[in-house]
C-alpha atoms as a PDB file:
ATOM      1  CA  UNK A   1      19.642 -12.438 -54.987  1.00  0.00           C
ATOM      2  CA  UNK A   2      17.748 -11.633 -51.767  1.00  0.00           C
ATOM      3  CA  UNK A   3      13.978 -11.563 -51.391  1.00  0.00           C
ATOM      4  CA  UNK A   4      12.616  -8.065 -50.929  1.00  0.00           C
ATOM      5  CA  UNK A   5       9.272  -6.970 -49.523  1.00  0.00           C
ATOM      6  CA  UNK A   6       7.224  -3.905 -50.336  1.00  0.00           C
ATOM      7  CA  UNK A   7       6.665  -1.296 -47.651  1.00  0.00           C
ATOM      8  CA  UNK A   8       2.969  -2.259 -47.674  1.00  0.00           C
ATOM      9  CA  UNK A   9       3.821  -5.892 -46.821  1.00  0.00           C
ATOM     10  CA  UNK A  10       6.277  -4.836 -44.106  1.00  0.00           C
ATOM     11  CA  UNK A  11       3.632  -2.528 -42.608  1.00  0.00           C
ATOM     12  CA  UNK A  12       1.000  -5.294 -42.693  1.00  0.00           C
ATOM     13  CA  UNK A  13       3.384  -7.712 -40.969  1.00  0.00           C
ATOM     14  CA  UNK A  14       4.109  -5.134 -38.271  1.00  0.00           C
ATOM     15  CA  UNK A  15       0.447  -4.277 -37.743  1.00  0.00           C
ATOM     16  CA  UNK A  16      -0.450  -7.977 -37.416  1.00  0.00           C
ATOM     17  CA  UNK A  17       1.574  -8.115 -34.196  1.00  0.00           C
ATOM     18  CA  UNK A  18      -0.853  -5.837 -32.389  1.00  0.00           C
ATOM     19  CA  UNK A  19      -3.850  -7.628 -33.904  1.00  0.00           C
ATOM     20  CA  UNK A  20      -2.574 -11.060 -32.827  1.00  0.00           C
ATOM     21  CA  UNK A  21      -1.525 -10.008 -29.312  1.00  0.00           C
ATOM     22  CA  UNK A  22      -4.814  -8.184 -28.753  1.00  0.00           C
ATOM     23  CA  UNK A  23      -5.939  -5.110 -26.874  1.00  0.00           C
ATOM     24  CA  UNK A  24      -4.726  -4.288 -23.364  1.00  0.00           C
ATOM     25  CA  UNK A  25      -1.859  -6.820 -23.301  1.00  0.00           C
ATOM     26  CA  UNK A  26       0.365  -7.265 -20.250  1.00  0.00           C
ATOM     27  CA  UNK A  27       3.951  -6.006 -20.329  1.00  0.00           C
ATOM     28  CA  UNK A  28       6.065  -7.847 -17.779  1.00  0.00           C
ATOM     29  CA  UNK A  29       9.461  -6.444 -16.813  1.00  0.00           C
ATOM     30  CA  UNK A  30      11.729  -9.092 -15.265  1.00  0.00           C
ATOM     31  CA  UNK A  31      15.203  -9.673 -13.889  1.00  0.00           C
ATOM     32  CA  UNK A  32      17.813 -12.012 -15.401  1.00  0.00           C
ATOM     33  CA  UNK A  33      18.235 -13.577 -18.807  1.00  0.00           C
ATOM     34  CA  UNK A  34      15.202 -13.913 -21.035  1.00  0.00           C
ATOM     35  CA  UNK A  35      13.923 -17.437 -21.762  1.00  0.00           C
ATOM     36  CA  UNK A  36      15.124 -19.225 -24.909  1.00  0.00           C
ATOM     37  CA  UNK A  37      11.870 -18.349 -26.727  1.00  0.00           C
ATOM     38  CA  UNK A  38       8.334 -17.131 -26.084  1.00  0.00           C
ATOM     39  CA  UNK A  39       7.037 -20.668 -25.521  1.00  0.00           C
ATOM     40  CA  UNK A  40       9.463 -21.240 -22.635  1.00  0.00           C
ATOM     41  CA  UNK A  41       8.439 -20.627 -19.011  1.00  0.00           C
ATOM     42  CA  UNK A  42       8.942 -17.211 -17.441  1.00  0.00           C
ATOM     43  CA  UNK A  43      12.339 -16.574 -15.889  1.00  0.00           C
ATOM     44  CA  UNK A  44      13.622 -14.084 -13.349  1.00  0.00           C
ATOM     45  CA  UNK A  45      11.618 -12.079 -10.855  1.00  0.00           C
ATOM     46  CA  UNK A  46       8.596 -10.110 -12.042  1.00  0.00           C
ATOM     47  CA  UNK A  47       9.479  -6.517 -11.161  1.00  0.00           C
ATOM     48  CA  UNK A  48       6.576  -4.702 -12.788  1.00  0.00           C
ATOM     49  CA  UNK A  49       3.495  -5.610 -14.819  1.00  0.00           C
ATOM     50  CA  UNK A  50       1.906  -2.895 -16.934  1.00  0.00           C
ATOM     51  CA  UNK A  51      -1.423  -3.218 -18.721  1.00  0.00           C
ATOM     52  CA  UNK A  52      -0.737  -1.504 -22.029  1.00  0.00           C
ATOM     53  CA  UNK A  53      -3.252   0.845 -23.643  1.00  0.00           C
ATOM     54  CA  UNK A  54      -5.960  -0.694 -25.810  1.00  0.00           C
ATOM     55  CA  UNK A  55      -4.172   0.712 -28.870  1.00  0.00           C
ATOM     56  CA  UNK A  56      -0.582   0.191 -27.736  1.00  0.00           C
ATOM     57  CA  UNK A  57       1.450   0.521 -30.947  1.00  0.00           C
ATOM     58  CA  UNK A  58       1.334   3.240 -33.581  1.00  0.00           C
ATOM     59  CA  UNK A  59       0.320   2.188 -37.091  1.00  0.00           C
ATOM     60  CA  UNK A  60       3.280   0.885 -39.051  1.00  0.00           C
ATOM     61  CA  UNK A  61       5.022   3.374 -41.306  1.00  0.00           C
ATOM     62  CA  UNK A  62       7.955   2.426 -43.541  1.00  0.00           C
ATOM     63  CA  UNK A  63       7.956  -0.969 -41.801  1.00  0.00           C
ATOM     64  CA  UNK A  64       8.389   0.547 -38.320  1.00  0.00           C
ATOM     65  CA  UNK A  65       6.069   0.449 -35.281  1.00  0.00           C
ATOM     66  CA  UNK A  66       6.595   2.398 -32.056  1.00  0.00           C
ATOM     67  CA  UNK A  67       4.943   2.555 -28.661  1.00  0.00           C
ATOM     68  CA  UNK A  68       1.727   4.541 -28.521  1.00  0.00           C
ATOM     69  CA  UNK A  69       0.473   6.234 -25.399  1.00  0.00           C
ATOM     70  CA  UNK A  70       2.089   6.040 -21.985  1.00  0.00           C
ATOM     71  CA  UNK A  71       3.553   2.775 -20.763  1.00  0.00           C
ATOM     72  CA  UNK A  72       4.017   3.160 -17.018  1.00  0.00           C
ATOM     73  CA  UNK A  73       3.435   1.277 -13.822  1.00  0.00           C
ATOM     74  CA  UNK A  74       4.941   0.737 -10.387  1.00  0.00           C
ATOM     75  CA  UNK A  75       7.440  -1.726  -9.016  1.00  0.00           C
ATOM     76  CA  UNK A  76       6.026  -4.907  -7.463  1.00  0.00           C
ATOM     77  CA  UNK A  77       9.451  -6.234  -6.416  1.00  0.00           C
ATOM     78  CA  UNK A  78      12.989  -4.898  -6.147  1.00  0.00           C
ATOM     79  CA  UNK A  79      15.704  -5.783  -8.660  1.00  0.00           C
ATOM     80  CA  UNK A  80      17.436  -4.862 -11.899  1.00  0.00           C
ATOM     81  CA  UNK A  81      15.319  -5.033 -15.054  1.00  0.00           C
ATOM     82  CA  UNK A  82      16.950  -7.131 -17.787  1.00  0.00           C
ATOM     83  CA  UNK A  83      14.200  -8.437 -20.063  1.00  0.00           C
ATOM     84  CA  UNK A  84      10.533  -7.998 -20.923  1.00  0.00           C
ATOM     85  CA  UNK A  85       7.709 -10.203 -22.093  1.00  0.00           C
ATOM     86  CA  UNK A  86       4.511  -8.975 -23.757  1.00  0.00           C
ATOM     87  CA  UNK A  87       1.603 -11.325 -23.150  1.00  0.00           C
ATOM     88  CA  UNK A  88      -2.064 -11.408 -24.088  1.00  0.00           C
ATOM     89  CA  UNK A  89      -4.566  -9.519 -21.912  1.00  0.00           C
ATOM     90  CA  UNK A  90      -4.935 -12.548 -19.617  1.00  0.00           C
ATOM     91  CA  UNK A  91      -1.169 -12.541 -19.038  1.00  0.00           C
ATOM     92  CA  UNK A  92      -0.867 -16.193 -20.044  1.00  0.00           C
ATOM     93  CA  UNK A  93       0.510 -16.372 -23.603  1.00  0.00           C
ATOM     94  CA  UNK A  94       3.823 -14.704 -24.415  1.00  0.00           C
ATOM     95  CA  UNK A  95       3.846 -13.105 -27.861  1.00  0.00           C
ATOM     96  CA  UNK A  96       7.118 -11.161 -27.654  1.00  0.00           C
ATOM     97  CA  UNK A  97      10.182 -10.815 -25.477  1.00  0.00           C
ATOM     98  CA  UNK A  98      13.445  -8.909 -25.554  1.00  0.00           C
ATOM     99  CA  UNK A  99      16.120  -7.060 -23.629  1.00  0.00           C
ATOM    100  CA  UNK A 100      15.644  -4.059 -21.361  1.00  0.00           C
ATOM    101  CA  UNK A 101      18.173  -1.307 -20.700  1.00  0.00           C
ATOM    102  CA  UNK A 102      18.104   2.232 -19.388  1.00  0.00           C
ATOM    103  CA  UNK A 103      17.539   5.037 -21.883  1.00  0.00           C
ATOM    104  CA  UNK A 104      20.502   5.177 -24.256  1.00  0.00           C
ATOM    105  CA  UNK A 105      21.619   1.633 -23.383  1.00  0.00           C
ATOM    106  CA  UNK A 106      20.658   0.008 -26.696  1.00  0.00           C
ATOM    107  CA  UNK A 107      18.113  -2.529 -25.406  1.00  0.00           C
ATOM    108  CA  UNK A 108      15.065  -3.686 -27.337  1.00  0.00           C
ATOM    109  CA  UNK A 109      13.044  -1.658 -24.818  1.00  0.00           C
ATOM    110  CA  UNK A 110      14.362   1.198 -22.703  1.00  0.00           C
ATOM    111  CA  UNK A 111      13.231   2.332 -19.269  1.00  0.00           C
ATOM    112  CA  UNK A 112      13.852   5.544 -17.400  1.00  0.00           C
ATOM    113  CA  UNK A 113      15.657   3.456 -14.751  1.00  0.00           C
ATOM    114  CA  UNK A 114      16.467  -0.279 -14.677  1.00  0.00           C
ATOM    115  CA  UNK A 115      17.015  -0.363 -10.905  1.00  0.00           C
ATOM    116  CA  UNK A 116      13.459  -0.899  -9.680  1.00  0.00           C
ATOM    117  CA  UNK A 117      12.230  -0.693  -6.089  1.00  0.00           C
ATOM    118  CA  UNK A 118       8.858  -1.694  -4.652  1.00  0.00           C
ATOM    119  CA  UNK A 119       6.248   1.011  -5.452  1.00  0.00           C
ATOM    120  CA  UNK A 120       8.724   2.940  -7.634  1.00  0.00           C
ATOM    121  CA  UNK A 121       7.307   4.537 -10.781  1.00  0.00           C
ATOM    122  CA  UNK A 122       8.443   2.630 -13.895  1.00  0.00           C
ATOM    123  CA  UNK A 123       8.302   4.333 -17.306  1.00  0.00           C
ATOM    124  CA  UNK A 124       9.043   2.801 -20.728  1.00  0.00           C
ATOM    125  CA  UNK A 125      10.843   5.533 -22.652  1.00  0.00           C
ATOM    126  CA  UNK A 126      11.371   3.788 -25.996  1.00  0.00           C
ATOM    127  CA  UNK A 127      10.124   0.751 -27.875  1.00  0.00           C
ATOM    128  CA  UNK A 128      10.397   0.397 -31.645  1.00  0.00           C
ATOM    129  CA  UNK A 129       9.959  -2.611 -33.929  1.00  0.00           C
ATOM    130  CA  UNK A 130      11.303  -2.677 -37.466  1.00  0.00           C
ATOM    131  CA  UNK A 131      10.082  -5.264 -39.951  1.00  0.00           C
ATOM    132  CA  UNK A 132      13.129  -6.479 -41.839  1.00  0.00           C
ATOM    133  CA  UNK A 133      13.475  -6.408 -45.580  1.00  0.00           C
ATOM    134  CA  UNK A 134      15.688  -9.474 -46.135  1.00  0.00           C
END
């Protein structure tokens, strides 16, 4: 028999992510394969760094959290976006990472365009986290 969690517990777990990461965290969009885990050193070229809004995720509902506000920035280097890292406001501690694809591509985070040029506008179009119920 599998362990099951209440919706309230799943929501609390999801909301703790934003609390732990803090306000105004840095979203880094990078080329290449993501590191093995969040503790590993950055990999790939940093294409764009976006300071997320102070309240950057909607309150969890039914165990799901989604981006809140506008997540946009401009290209600092040219390349193809492949993964992201979300770090604390100082940009030093990675708290989350995942894949990046264009809208409709099935990545953990989707962008309006994964081919980024210097000074190009970069827009996150979708980001959703679902707390599992094992």
